[in-house]
Amino acid sequence: MITLYGIPNCDTVKKARAWLTDQGVDFTFHDFKKQGVPADLLPTWLAAVGWQTLVNRKGTTWRWLDDAAHDAVVDDATATALMLAQPSVIKRPVVDWGAGEVTVGFDPATFAAQRSQSQI
């Protein structure tokens, strides 16, 4: 089963959800705001894409953090602490396609490739 993680009012998450729905792909939506960040999955995400991809350093939440908070994020452990404290700093959506495949962000070509690979 595919799980899409994000925040419902995020435009990129809305696009990803619409694409999956339009393609007839069954998926579960995990709302960071209501359900929290799944701390047990962060190591898997970090292994798949790296903290540099997972931490959205272009987003509003990152910009609101002070320089000391920015400078403190240097590895998986410090990125994990930040993502658990500030879920909105996670680049969205995070999609778990199953079988260890994880993508971050929305790109129709990437989604189509993942759909083909998993034959959903």
PDB file of N, CA and C in Angstrom:
ATOM      1  N   MET A   1       0.826  -1.181   0.000  1.00  0.00           N
ATOM      2  CA  MET A   1       0.000   0.000   0.000  1.00  0.00           C
ATOM      3  C   MET A   1       0.873   1.248   0.000  1.00  0.00           C
ATOM      4  N   ILE A   2       0.504   2.199  -0.794  1.00  0.00           N
ATOM      5  CA  ILE A   2       1.223   3.466  -0.893  1.00  0.00           C
ATOM      6  C   ILE A   2       0.714   4.399   0.203  1.00  0.00           C
ATOM      7  N   THR A   3       1.646   5.086   0.851  1.00  0.00           N
ATOM      8  CA  THR A   3       1.276   6.081   1.846  1.00  0.00           C
ATOM      9  C   THR A   3       1.914   7.401   1.467  1.00  0.00           C
ATOM     10  N   LEU A   4       1.085   8.431   1.418  1.00  0.00           N
ATOM     11  CA  LEU A   4       1.535   9.781   1.124  1.00  0.00           C
ATOM     12  C   LEU A   4       1.497  10.558   2.435  1.00  0.00           C
ATOM     13  N   TYR A   5       2.628  11.127   2.825  1.00  0.00           N
ATOM     14  CA  TYR A   5       2.753  11.868   4.070  1.00  0.00           C
ATOM     15  C   TYR A   5       2.862  13.352   3.757  1.00  0.00           C
ATOM     16  N   GLY A   6       2.131  14.169   4.518  1.00  0.00           N
ATOM     17  CA  GLY A   6       2.225  15.597   4.300  1.00  0.00           C
ATOM     18  C   GLY A   6       1.209  16.369   5.104  1.00  0.00           C
ATOM     19  N   ILE A   7       0.949  17.561   4.631  1.00  0.00           N
ATOM     20  CA  ILE A   7       0.004  18.480   5.248  1.00  0.00           C
ATOM     21  C   ILE A   7      -1.062  18.792   4.203  1.00  0.00           C
ATOM     22  N   PRO A   8      -2.347  18.661   4.563  1.00  0.00           N
ATOM     23  CA  PRO A   8      -3.399  18.765   3.556  1.00  0.00           C
ATOM     24  C   PRO A   8      -3.484  20.098   2.814  1.00  0.00           C
ATOM     25  N   ASN A   9      -3.085  21.198   3.435  1.00  0.00           N
ATOM     26  CA  ASN A   9      -3.206  22.484   2.749  1.00  0.00           C
ATOM     27  C   ASN A   9      -1.975  22.862   1.930  1.00  0.00           C
ATOM     28  N   CYS A  10      -0.974  21.992   1.886  1.00  0.00           N
ATOM     29  CA  CYS A  10       0.226  22.220   1.080  1.00  0.00           C
ATOM     30  C   CYS A  10      -0.125  22.025  -0.399  1.00  0.00           C
ATOM     31  N   ASP A  11       0.205  22.993  -1.227  1.00  0.00           N
ATOM     32  CA  ASP A  11      -0.119  22.913  -2.656  1.00  0.00           C
ATOM     33  C   ASP A  11       0.523  21.717  -3.340  1.00  0.00           C
ATOM     34  N   THR A  12       1.750  21.404  -2.982  1.00  0.00           N
ATOM     35  CA  THR A  12       2.430  20.268  -3.603  1.00  0.00           C
ATOM     36  C   THR A  12       1.771  18.954  -3.194  1.00  0.00           C
ATOM     37  N   VAL A  13       1.360  18.856  -1.949  1.00  0.00           N
ATOM     38  CA  VAL A  13       0.648  17.667  -1.485  1.00  0.00           C
ATOM     39  C   VAL A  13      -0.688  17.551  -2.222  1.00  0.00           C
ATOM     40  N   LYS A  14      -1.369  18.656  -2.409  1.00  0.00           N
ATOM     41  CA  LYS A  14      -2.640  18.638  -3.140  1.00  0.00           C
ATOM     42  C   LYS A  14      -2.437  18.122  -4.566  1.00  0.00           C
ATOM     43  N   LYS A  15      -1.381  18.576  -5.223  1.00  0.00           N
ATOM     44  CA  LYS A  15      -1.089  18.114  -6.586  1.00  0.00           C
ATOM     45  C   LYS A  15      -0.799  16.621  -6.615  1.00  0.00           C
ATOM     46  N   ALA A  16      -0.008  16.157  -5.643  1.00  0.00           N
ATOM     47  CA  ALA A  16       0.336  14.729  -5.584  1.00  0.00           C
ATOM     48  C   ALA A  16      -0.900  13.882  -5.329  1.00  0.00           C
ATOM     49  N   ARG A  17      -1.737  14.312  -4.410  1.00  0.00           N
ATOM     50  CA  ARG A  17      -2.964  13.562  -4.109  1.00  0.00           C
ATOM     51  C   ARG A  17      -3.880  13.526  -5.326  1.00  0.00           C
ATOM     52  N   ALA A  18      -4.000  14.658  -6.010  1.00  0.00           N
ATOM     53  CA  ALA A  18      -4.844  14.717  -7.207  1.00  0.00           C
ATOM     54  C   ALA A  18      -4.298  13.795  -8.295  1.00  0.00           C
ATOM     55  N   TRP A  19      -2.988  13.792  -8.490  1.00  0.00           N
ATOM     56  CA  TRP A  19      -2.384  12.935  -9.514  1.00  0.00           C
ATOM     57  C   TRP A  19      -2.671  11.472  -9.212  1.00  0.00           C
ATOM     58  N   LEU A  20      -2.432  11.049  -7.985  1.00  0.00           N
ATOM     59  CA  LEU A  20      -2.678   9.660  -7.611  1.00  0.00           C
ATOM     60  C   LEU A  20      -4.149   9.289  -7.804  1.00  0.00           C
ATOM     61  N   THR A  21      -5.035  10.167  -7.399  1.00  0.00           N
ATOM     62  CA  THR A  21      -6.473   9.916  -7.548  1.00  0.00           C
ATOM     63  C   THR A  21      -6.853   9.836  -9.020  1.00  0.00           C
ATOM     64  N   ASP A  22      -6.358  10.777  -9.819  1.00  0.00           N
ATOM     65  CA  ASP A  22      -6.669  10.788 -11.260  1.00  0.00           C
ATOM     66  C   ASP A  22      -6.155   9.538 -11.966  1.00  0.00           C
ATOM     67  N   GLN A  23      -5.057   8.973 -11.454  1.00  0.00           N
ATOM     68  CA  GLN A  23      -4.482   7.763 -12.055  1.00  0.00           C
ATOM     69  C   GLN A  23      -5.130   6.495 -11.510  1.00  0.00           C
ATOM     70  N   GLY A  24      -6.063   6.652 -10.582  1.00  0.00           N
ATOM     71  CA  GLY A  24      -6.735   5.493 -10.003  1.00  0.00           C
ATOM     72  C   GLY A  24      -5.865   4.694  -9.045  1.00  0.00           C
ATOM     73  N   VAL A  25      -4.899   5.362  -8.430  1.00  0.00           N
ATOM     74  CA  VAL A  25      -3.973   4.701  -7.518  1.00  0.00           C
ATOM     75  C   VAL A  25      -4.546   4.767  -6.100  1.00  0.00           C
ATOM     76  N   ASP A  26      -4.642   3.613  -5.462  1.00  0.00           N
ATOM     77  CA  ASP A  26      -5.069   3.562  -4.068  1.00  0.00           C
ATOM     78  C   ASP A  26      -3.908   3.980  -3.184  1.00  0.00           C
ATOM     79  N   PHE A  27      -4.182   4.879  -2.244  1.00  0.00           N
ATOM     80  CA  PHE A  27      -3.145   5.323  -1.321  1.00  0.00           C
ATOM     81  C   PHE A  27      -3.789   5.766  -0.019  1.00  0.00           C
ATOM     82  N   THR A  28      -2.974   5.807   1.001  1.00  0.00           N
ATOM     83  CA  THR A  28      -3.386   6.308   2.300  1.00  0.00           C
ATOM     84  C   THR A  28      -2.701   7.648   2.503  1.00  0.00           C
ATOM     85  N   PHE A  29      -3.429   8.609   3.075  1.00  0.00           N
ATOM     86  CA  PHE A  29      -2.842   9.907   3.382  1.00  0.00           C
ATOM     87  C   PHE A  29      -2.586   9.988   4.881  1.00  0.00           C
ATOM     88  N   HIS A  30      -1.360  10.339   5.234  1.00  0.00           N
ATOM     89  CA  HIS A  30      -0.969  10.526   6.629  1.00  0.00           C
ATOM     90  C   HIS A  30      -0.725  12.017   6.845  1.00  0.00           C
ATOM     91  N   ASP A  31      -1.566  12.631   7.669  1.00  0.00           N
ATOM     92  CA  ASP A  31      -1.524  14.062   7.936  1.00  0.00           C
ATOM     93  C   ASP A  31      -0.565  14.347   9.093  1.00  0.00           C
ATOM     94  N   PHE A  32       0.551  15.021   8.787  1.00  0.00           N
ATOM     95  CA  PHE A  32       1.520  15.363   9.822  1.00  0.00           C
ATOM     96  C   PHE A  32       0.891  16.194  10.939  1.00  0.00           C
ATOM     97  N   LYS A  33      -0.044  17.068  10.596  1.00  0.00           N
ATOM     98  CA  LYS A  33      -0.645  17.954  11.592  1.00  0.00           C
ATOM     99  C   LYS A  33      -1.514  17.174  12.575  1.00  0.00           C
ATOM    100  N   LYS A  34      -2.273  16.207  12.080  1.00  0.00           N
ATOM    101  CA  LYS A  34      -3.189  15.454  12.938  1.00  0.00           C
ATOM    102  C   LYS A  34      -2.568  14.186  13.512  1.00  0.00           C
ATOM    103  N   GLN A  35      -1.734  13.516  12.726  1.00  0.00           N
ATOM    104  CA  GLN A  35      -1.198  12.222  13.127  1.00  0.00           C
ATOM    105  C   GLN A  35       0.264  12.273  13.564  1.00  0.00           C
ATOM    106  N   GLY A  36       0.901  13.409  13.362  1.00  0.00           N
ATOM    107  CA  GLY A  36       2.297  13.561  13.738  1.00  0.00           C
ATOM    108  C   GLY A  36       3.245  12.925  12.731  1.00  0.00           C
ATOM    109  N   VAL A  37       4.499  13.165  12.957  1.00  0.00           N
ATOM    110  CA  VAL A  37       5.551  12.582  12.123  1.00  0.00           C
ATOM    111  C   VAL A  37       5.828  11.176  12.653  1.00  0.00           C
ATOM    112  N   PRO A  38       5.810  10.175  11.788  1.00  0.00           N
ATOM    113  CA  PRO A  38       6.094   8.809  12.252  1.00  0.00           C
ATOM    114  C   PRO A  38       7.593   8.641  12.541  1.00  0.00           C
ATOM    115  N   ALA A  39       7.948   8.849  13.795  1.00  0.00           N
ATOM    116  CA  ALA A  39       9.361   8.823  14.195  1.00  0.00           C
ATOM    117  C   ALA A  39      10.045   7.514  13.826  1.00  0.00           C
ATOM    118  N   ASP A  40       9.295   6.420  13.844  1.00  0.00           N
ATOM    119  CA  ASP A  40       9.883   5.120  13.518  1.00  0.00           C
ATOM    120  C   ASP A  40      10.250   4.992  12.041  1.00  0.00           C
ATOM    121  N   LEU A  41       9.656   5.843  11.189  1.00  0.00           N
ATOM    122  CA  LEU A  41       9.956   5.787   9.755  1.00  0.00           C
ATOM    123  C   LEU A  41      11.057   6.756   9.324  1.00  0.00           C
ATOM    124  N   LEU A  42      11.370   7.730  10.152  1.00  0.00           N
ATOM    125  CA  LEU A  42      12.392   8.709   9.764  1.00  0.00           C
ATOM    126  C   LEU A  42      13.730   8.060   9.386  1.00  0.00           C
ATOM    127  N   PRO A  43      14.211   7.056  10.114  1.00  0.00           N
ATOM    128  CA  PRO A  43      15.475   6.428   9.685  1.00  0.00           C
ATOM    129  C   PRO A  43      15.391   5.826   8.277  1.00  0.00           C
ATOM    130  N   THR A  44      14.251   5.246   7.929  1.00  0.00           N
ATOM    131  CA  THR A  44      14.065   4.676   6.592  1.00  0.00           C
ATOM    132  C   THR A  44      14.089   5.777   5.543  1.00  0.00           C
ATOM    133  N   TRP A  45      13.379   6.863   5.818  1.00  0.00           N
ATOM    134  CA  TRP A  45      13.360   7.988   4.882  1.00  0.00           C
ATOM    135  C   TRP A  45      14.752   8.578   4.715  1.00  0.00           C
ATOM    136  N   LEU A  46      15.441   8.750   5.822  1.00  0.00           N
ATOM    137  CA  LEU A  46      16.792   9.319   5.768  1.00  0.00           C
ATOM    138  C   LEU A  46      17.735   8.418   4.983  1.00  0.00           C
ATOM    139  N   ALA A  47      17.611   7.115   5.167  1.00  0.00           N
ATOM    140  CA  ALA A  47      18.451   6.179   4.414  1.00  0.00           C
ATOM    141  C   ALA A  47      18.131   6.222   2.928  1.00  0.00           C
ATOM    142  N   ALA A  48      16.874   6.435   2.597  1.00  0.00           N
ATOM    143  CA  ALA A  48      16.450   6.435   1.190  1.00  0.00           C
ATOM    144  C   ALA A  48      16.818   7.721   0.456  1.00  0.00           C
ATOM    145  N   VAL A  49      16.648   8.874   1.113  1.00  0.00           N
ATOM    146  CA  VAL A  49      16.821  10.140   0.390  1.00  0.00           C
ATOM    147  C   VAL A  49      17.827  11.098   1.015  1.00  0.00           C
ATOM    148  N   GLY A  50      18.221  10.862   2.263  1.00  0.00           N
ATOM    149  CA  GLY A  50      19.176  11.749   2.932  1.00  0.00           C
ATOM    150  C   GLY A  50      18.505  12.941   3.591  1.00  0.00           C
ATOM    151  N   TRP A  51      19.137  13.441   4.647  1.00  0.00           N
ATOM    152  CA  TRP A  51      18.536  14.551   5.382  1.00  0.00           C
ATOM    153  C   TRP A  51      18.528  15.839   4.558  1.00  0.00           C
ATOM    154  N   GLN A  52      19.497  15.989   3.658  1.00  0.00           N
ATOM    155  CA  GLN A  52      19.553  17.201   2.842  1.00  0.00           C
ATOM    156  C   GLN A  52      18.330  17.329   1.937  1.00  0.00           C
ATOM    157  N   THR A  53      17.776  16.208   1.504  1.00  0.00           N
ATOM    158  CA  THR A  53      16.570  16.223   0.681  1.00  0.00           C
ATOM    159  C   THR A  53      15.333  16.351   1.550  1.00  0.00           C
ATOM    160  N   LEU A  54      15.321  15.699   2.679  1.00  0.00           N
ATOM    161  CA  LEU A  54      14.136  15.637   3.522  1.00  0.00           C
ATOM    162  C   LEU A  54      13.859  16.951   4.249  1.00  0.00           C
ATOM    163  N   VAL A  55      14.895  17.676   4.622  1.00  0.00           N
ATOM    164  CA  VAL A  55      14.712  18.962   5.303  1.00  0.00           C
ATOM    165  C   VAL A  55      14.547  20.045   4.237  1.00  0.00           C
ATOM    166  N   ASN A  56      13.389  20.700   4.265  1.00  0.00           N
ATOM    167  CA  ASN A  56      13.081  21.737   3.282  1.00  0.00           C
ATOM    168  C   ASN A  56      13.695  23.060   3.733  1.00  0.00           C
ATOM    169  N   ARG A  57      14.868  23.349   3.185  1.00  0.00           N
ATOM    170  CA  ARG A  57      15.572  24.569   3.565  1.00  0.00           C
ATOM    171  C   ARG A  57      15.139  25.779   2.751  1.00  0.00           C
ATOM    172  N   LYS A  58      14.110  25.616   1.935  1.00  0.00           N
ATOM    173  CA  LYS A  58      13.564  26.747   1.175  1.00  0.00           C
ATOM    174  C   LYS A  58      12.196  27.174   1.691  1.00  0.00           C
ATOM    175  N   GLY A  59      11.651  26.416   2.625  1.00  0.00           N
ATOM    176  CA  GLY A  59      10.300  26.668   3.111  1.00  0.00           C
ATOM    177  C   GLY A  59      10.219  27.722   4.198  1.00  0.00           C
ATOM    178  N   THR A  60       9.002  28.128   4.478  1.00  0.00           N
ATOM    179  CA  THR A  60       8.727  29.155   5.481  1.00  0.00           C
ATOM    180  C   THR A  60       9.211  28.755   6.865  1.00  0.00           C
ATOM    181  N   THR A  61       8.972  27.519   7.257  1.00  0.00           N
ATOM    182  CA  THR A  61       9.373  27.083   8.596  1.00  0.00           C
ATOM    183  C   THR A  61      10.877  27.222   8.777  1.00  0.00           C
ATOM    184  N   TRP A  62      11.643  26.797   7.791  1.00  0.00           N
ATOM    185  CA  TRP A  62      13.103  26.924   7.867  1.00  0.00           C
ATOM    186  C   TRP A  62      13.513  28.385   7.978  1.00  0.00           C
ATOM    187  N   ARG A  63      12.885  29.238   7.179  1.00  0.00           N
ATOM    188  CA  ARG A  63      13.234  30.663   7.196  1.00  0.00           C
ATOM    189  C   ARG A  63      12.927  31.306   8.550  1.00  0.00           C
ATOM    190  N   TRP A  64      11.930  30.799   9.252  1.00  0.00           N
ATOM    191  CA  TRP A  64      11.575  31.349  10.563  1.00  0.00           C
ATOM    192  C   TRP A  64      12.555  30.936  11.655  1.00  0.00           C
ATOM    193  N   LEU A  65      13.290  29.856  11.424  1.00  0.00           N
ATOM    194  CA  LEU A  65      14.262  29.402  12.421  1.00  0.00           C
ATOM    195  C   LEU A  65      15.462  30.346  12.448  1.00  0.00           C
ATOM    196  N   ASP A  66      16.057  30.468  13.610  1.00  0.00           N
ATOM    197  CA  ASP A  66      17.227  31.347  13.717  1.00  0.00           C
ATOM    198  C   ASP A  66      18.481  30.649  13.167  1.00  0.00           C
ATOM    199  N   ASP A  67      19.529  31.417  13.018  1.00  0.00           N
ATOM    200  CA  ASP A  67      20.765  30.893  12.441  1.00  0.00           C
ATOM    201  C   ASP A  67      21.345  29.743  13.259  1.00  0.00           C
ATOM    202  N   ALA A  68      21.201  29.805  14.562  1.00  0.00           N
ATOM    203  CA  ALA A  68      21.723  28.733  15.420  1.00  0.00           C
ATOM    204  C   ALA A  68      21.015  27.415  15.112  1.00  0.00           C
ATOM    205  N   ALA A  69      19.709  27.468  14.888  1.00  0.00           N
ATOM    206  CA  ALA A  69      18.952  26.256  14.539  1.00  0.00           C
ATOM    207  C   ALA A  69      19.403  25.733  13.176  1.00  0.00           C
ATOM    208  N   HIS A  70      19.617  26.626  12.228  1.00  0.00           N
ATOM    209  CA  HIS A  70      20.102  26.222  10.899  1.00  0.00           C
ATOM    210  C   HIS A  70      21.460  25.529  11.020  1.00  0.00           C
ATOM    211  N   ASP A  71      22.359  26.167  11.761  1.00  0.00           N
ATOM    212  CA  ASP A  71      23.723  25.652  11.896  1.00  0.00           C
ATOM    213  C   ASP A  71      23.775  24.321  12.643  1.00  0.00           C
ATOM    214  N   ALA A  72      22.757  24.051  13.465  1.00  0.00           N
ATOM    215  CA  ALA A  72      22.742  22.827  14.273  1.00  0.00           C
ATOM    216  C   ALA A  72      22.385  21.587  13.458  1.00  0.00           C
ATOM    217  N   VAL A  73      21.787  21.772  12.287  1.00  0.00           N
ATOM    218  CA  VAL A  73      21.374  20.632  11.460  1.00  0.00           C
ATOM    219  C   VAL A  73      22.543  20.237  10.568  1.00  0.00           C
ATOM    220  N   VAL A  74      23.220  19.158  10.980  1.00  0.00           N
ATOM    221  CA  VAL A  74      24.439  18.757  10.283  1.00  0.00           C
ATOM    222  C   VAL A  74      24.481  17.270   9.923  1.00  0.00           C
ATOM    223  N   ASP A  75      23.507  16.482  10.430  1.00  0.00           N
ATOM    224  CA  ASP A  75      23.524  15.048  10.170  1.00  0.00           C
ATOM    225  C   ASP A  75      22.134  14.467  10.406  1.00  0.00           C
ATOM    226  N   ASP A  76      22.013  13.154  10.269  1.00  0.00           N
ATOM    227  CA  ASP A  76      20.711  12.499  10.436  1.00  0.00           C
ATOM    228  C   ASP A  76      20.104  12.757  11.811  1.00  0.00           C
ATOM    229  N   ALA A  77      20.917  12.677  12.851  1.00  0.00           N
ATOM    230  CA  ALA A  77      20.404  12.835  14.219  1.00  0.00           C
ATOM    231  C   ALA A  77      19.859  14.240  14.460  1.00  0.00           C
ATOM    232  N   THR A  78      20.599  15.248  14.035  1.00  0.00           N
ATOM    233  CA  THR A  78      20.137  16.617  14.270  1.00  0.00           C
ATOM    234  C   THR A  78      18.964  16.957  13.358  1.00  0.00           C
ATOM    235  N   ALA A  79      18.949  16.408  12.157  1.00  0.00           N
ATOM    236  CA  ALA A  79      17.804  16.621  11.258  1.00  0.00           C
ATOM    237  C   ALA A  79      16.562  15.945  11.818  1.00  0.00           C
ATOM    238  N   THR A  80      16.719  14.750  12.378  1.00  0.00           N
ATOM    239  CA  THR A  80      15.592  14.036  12.983  1.00  0.00           C
ATOM    240  C   THR A  80      15.002  14.839  14.125  1.00  0.00           C
ATOM    241  N   ALA A  81      15.846  15.367  14.989  1.00  0.00           N
ATOM    242  CA  ALA A  81      15.368  16.164  16.114  1.00  0.00           C
ATOM    243  C   ALA A  81      14.571  17.374  15.617  1.00  0.00           C
ATOM    244  N   LEU A  82      15.068  18.036  14.584  1.00  0.00           N
ATOM    245  CA  LEU A  82      14.362  19.185  14.037  1.00  0.00           C
ATOM    246  C   LEU A  82      13.030  18.773  13.419  1.00  0.00           C
ATOM    247  N   MET A  83      13.021  17.693  12.638  1.00  0.00           N
ATOM    248  CA  MET A  83      11.786  17.260  11.973  1.00  0.00           C
ATOM    249  C   MET A  83      10.714  16.837  12.975  1.00  0.00           C
ATOM    250  N   LEU A  84      11.126  16.239  14.075  1.00  0.00           N
ATOM    251  CA  LEU A  84      10.151  15.856  15.101  1.00  0.00           C
ATOM    252  C   LEU A  84       9.616  17.085  15.825  1.00  0.00           C
ATOM    253  N   ALA A  85      10.466  18.081  16.039  1.00  0.00           N
ATOM    254  CA  ALA A  85      10.048  19.302  16.727  1.00  0.00           C
ATOM    255  C   ALA A  85       9.254  20.239  15.814  1.00  0.00           C
ATOM    256  N   GLN A  86       9.607  20.244  14.534  1.00  0.00           N
ATOM    257  CA  GLN A  86       8.988  21.153  13.559  1.00  0.00           C
ATOM    258  C   GLN A  86       8.585  20.358  12.314  1.00  0.00           C
ATOM    259  N   PRO A  87       7.478  19.611  12.352  1.00  0.00           N
ATOM    260  CA  PRO A  87       7.102  18.766  11.215  1.00  0.00           C
ATOM    261  C   PRO A  87       6.978  19.518   9.884  1.00  0.00           C
ATOM    262  N   SER A  88       6.660  20.792   9.952  1.00  0.00           N
ATOM    263  CA  SER A  88       6.496  21.565   8.709  1.00  0.00           C
ATOM    264  C   SER A  88       7.803  21.795   7.969  1.00  0.00           C
ATOM    265  N   VAL A  89       8.930  21.463   8.591  1.00  0.00           N
ATOM    266  CA  VAL A  89      10.221  21.627   7.923  1.00  0.00           C
ATOM    267  C   VAL A  89      10.504  20.452   6.978  1.00  0.00           C
ATOM    268  N   ILE A  90       9.697  19.410   7.040  1.00  0.00           N
ATOM    269  CA  ILE A  90       9.882  18.258   6.154  1.00  0.00           C
ATOM    270  C   ILE A  90       9.364  18.614   4.760  1.00  0.00           C
ATOM    271  N   LYS A  91      10.195  18.390   3.758  1.00  0.00           N
ATOM    272  CA  LYS A  91       9.775  18.626   2.385  1.00  0.00           C
ATOM    273  C   LYS A  91       8.655  17.660   2.050  1.00  0.00           C
ATOM    274  N   ARG A  92       7.642  18.154   1.374  1.00  0.00           N
ATOM    275  CA  ARG A  92       6.441  17.373   1.124  1.00  0.00           C
ATOM    276  C   ARG A  92       6.134  17.269  -0.359  1.00  0.00           C
ATOM    277  N   PRO A  93       5.397  16.202  -0.677  1.00  0.00           N
ATOM    278  CA  PRO A  93       5.055  15.061   0.157  1.00  0.00           C
ATOM    279  C   PRO A  93       6.195  14.049   0.219  1.00  0.00           C
ATOM    280  N   VAL A  94       6.166  13.250   1.264  1.00  0.00           N
ATOM    281  CA  VAL A  94       7.002  12.055   1.338  1.00  0.00           C
ATOM    282  C   VAL A  94       6.082  10.915   0.943  1.00  0.00           C
ATOM    283  N   VAL A  95       6.501  10.125  -0.026  1.00  0.00           N
ATOM    284  CA  VAL A  95       5.670   9.008  -0.485  1.00  0.00           C
ATOM    285  C   VAL A  95       6.422   7.699  -0.286  1.00  0.00           C
ATOM    286  N   ASP A  96       5.782   6.801   0.451  1.00  0.00           N
ATOM    287  CA  ASP A  96       6.304   5.455   0.633  1.00  0.00           C
ATOM    288  C   ASP A  96       5.574   4.581  -0.374  1.00  0.00           C
ATOM    289  N   TRP A  97       6.294   4.161  -1.398  1.00  0.00           N
ATOM    290  CA  TRP A  97       5.712   3.377  -2.490  1.00  0.00           C
ATOM    291  C   TRP A  97       5.692   1.884  -2.171  1.00  0.00           C
ATOM    292  N   GLY A  98       6.250   1.513  -1.033  1.00  0.00           N
ATOM    293  CA  GLY A  98       6.364   0.103  -0.677  1.00  0.00           C
ATOM    294  C   GLY A  98       7.701  -0.443  -1.136  1.00  0.00           C
ATOM    295  N   ALA A  99       8.083  -1.571  -0.601  1.00  0.00           N
ATOM    296  CA  ALA A  99       9.328  -2.257  -0.960  1.00  0.00           C
ATOM    297  C   ALA A  99      10.553  -1.348  -0.806  1.00  0.00           C
ATOM    298  N   GLY A 100      10.496  -0.442   0.170  1.00  0.00           N
ATOM    299  CA  GLY A 100      11.645   0.413   0.449  1.00  0.00           C
ATOM    300  C   GLY A 100      11.806   1.612  -0.450  1.00  0.00           C
ATOM    301  N   GLU A 101      10.882   1.824  -1.372  1.00  0.00           N
ATOM    302  CA  GLU A 101      10.956   2.969  -2.289  1.00  0.00           C
ATOM    303  C   GLU A 101      10.300   4.187  -1.649  1.00  0.00           C
ATOM    304  N   VAL A 102      11.072   5.267  -1.521  1.00  0.00           N
ATOM    305  CA  VAL A 102      10.589   6.509  -0.934  1.00  0.00           C
ATOM    306  C   VAL A 102      10.971   7.654  -1.854  1.00  0.00           C
ATOM    307  N   THR A 103      10.013   8.547  -2.109  1.00  0.00           N
ATOM    308  CA  THR A 103      10.310   9.767  -2.859  1.00  0.00           C
ATOM    309  C   THR A 103       9.866  10.969  -2.041  1.00  0.00           C
ATOM    310  N   VAL A 104      10.459  12.111  -2.354  1.00  0.00           N
ATOM    311  CA  VAL A 104      10.116  13.352  -1.680  1.00  0.00           C
ATOM    312  C   VAL A 104       9.808  14.390  -2.743  1.00  0.00           C
ATOM    313  N   GLY A 105       8.711  15.117  -2.532  1.00  0.00           N
ATOM    314  CA  GLY A 105       8.275  16.122  -3.496  1.00  0.00           C
ATOM    315  C   GLY A 105       7.353  15.502  -4.526  1.00  0.00           C
ATOM    316  N   PHE A 106       6.862  16.329  -5.422  1.00  0.00           N
ATOM    317  CA  PHE A 106       5.969  15.829  -6.472  1.00  0.00           C
ATOM    318  C   PHE A 106       6.531  16.167  -7.838  1.00  0.00           C
ATOM    319  N   ASP A 107       6.684  15.134  -8.628  1.00  0.00           N
ATOM    320  CA  ASP A 107       7.076  15.264 -10.024  1.00  0.00           C
ATOM    321  C   ASP A 107       6.280  14.200 -10.776  1.00  0.00           C
ATOM    322  N   PRO A 108       5.418  14.607 -11.734  1.00  0.00           N
ATOM    323  CA  PRO A 108       4.590  13.624 -12.430  1.00  0.00           C
ATOM    324  C   PRO A 108       5.394  12.486 -13.068  1.00  0.00           C
ATOM    325  N   ALA A 109       6.552  12.795 -13.622  1.00  0.00           N
ATOM    326  CA  ALA A 109       7.360  11.750 -14.258  1.00  0.00           C
ATOM    327  C   ALA A 109       7.866  10.735 -13.232  1.00  0.00           C
ATOM    328  N   THR A 110       8.302  11.236 -12.082  1.00  0.00           N
ATOM    329  CA  THR A 110       8.770  10.338 -11.020  1.00  0.00           C
ATOM    330  C   THR A 110       7.625   9.477 -10.515  1.00  0.00           C
ATOM    331  N   PHE A 111       6.459  10.076 -10.327  1.00  0.00           N
ATOM    332  CA  PHE A 111       5.296   9.321  -9.862  1.00  0.00           C
ATOM    333  C   PHE A 111       4.910   8.259 -10.890  1.00  0.00           C
ATOM    334  N   ALA A 112       4.944   8.621 -12.168  1.00  0.00           N
ATOM    335  CA  ALA A 112       4.591   7.661 -13.226  1.00  0.00           C
ATOM    336  C   ALA A 112       5.590   6.494 -13.235  1.00  0.00           C
ATOM    337  N   ALA A 113       6.868   6.799 -13.057  1.00  0.00           N
ATOM    338  CA  ALA A 113       7.894   5.760 -13.029  1.00  0.00           C
ATOM    339  C   ALA A 113       7.684   4.839 -11.834  1.00  0.00           C
ATOM    340  N   GLN A 114       7.380   5.415 -10.690  1.00  0.00           N
ATOM    341  CA  GLN A 114       7.130   4.598  -9.506  1.00  0.00           C
ATOM    342  C   GLN A 114       5.890   3.735  -9.695  1.00  0.00           C
ATOM    343  N   ARG A 115       4.892   4.315 -10.314  1.00  0.00           N
ATOM    344  CA  ARG A 115       3.656   3.569 -10.580  1.00  0.00           C
ATOM    345  C   ARG A 115       3.951   2.377 -11.493  1.00  0.00           C
ATOM    346  N   SER A 116       4.762   2.602 -12.522  1.00  0.00           N
ATOM    347  CA  SER A 116       5.126   1.516 -13.443  1.00  0.00           C
ATOM    348  C   SER A 116       5.934   0.436 -12.763  1.00  0.00           C
ATOM    349  N   GLN A 117       6.886   0.862 -11.912  1.00  0.00           N
ATOM    350  CA  GLN A 117       7.753  -0.100 -11.213  1.00  0.00           C
ATOM    351  C   GLN A 117       6.961  -0.990 -10.279  1.00  0.00           C
ATOM    352  N   SER A 118       6.015  -0.374  -9.571  1.00  0.00           N
ATOM    353  CA  SER A 118       5.262  -1.166  -8.591  1.00  0.00           C
ATOM    354  C   SER A 118       4.020  -1.796  -9.208  1.00  0.00           C
ATOM    355  N   GLN A 119       3.750  -1.478 -10.465  1.00  0.00           N
ATOM    356  CA  GLN A 119       2.609  -2.042 -11.200  1.00  0.00           C
ATOM    357  C   GLN A 119       1.325  -1.965 -10.393  1.00  0.00           C
ATOM    358  N   ILE A 120       1.015  -0.729  -9.935  1.00  0.00           N
ATOM    359  CA  ILE A 120      -0.186  -0.511  -9.144  1.00  0.00           C
ATOM    360  C   ILE A 120      -1.333  -0.092 -10.018  1.00  0.00           C
TER     361      ILE A 120
END
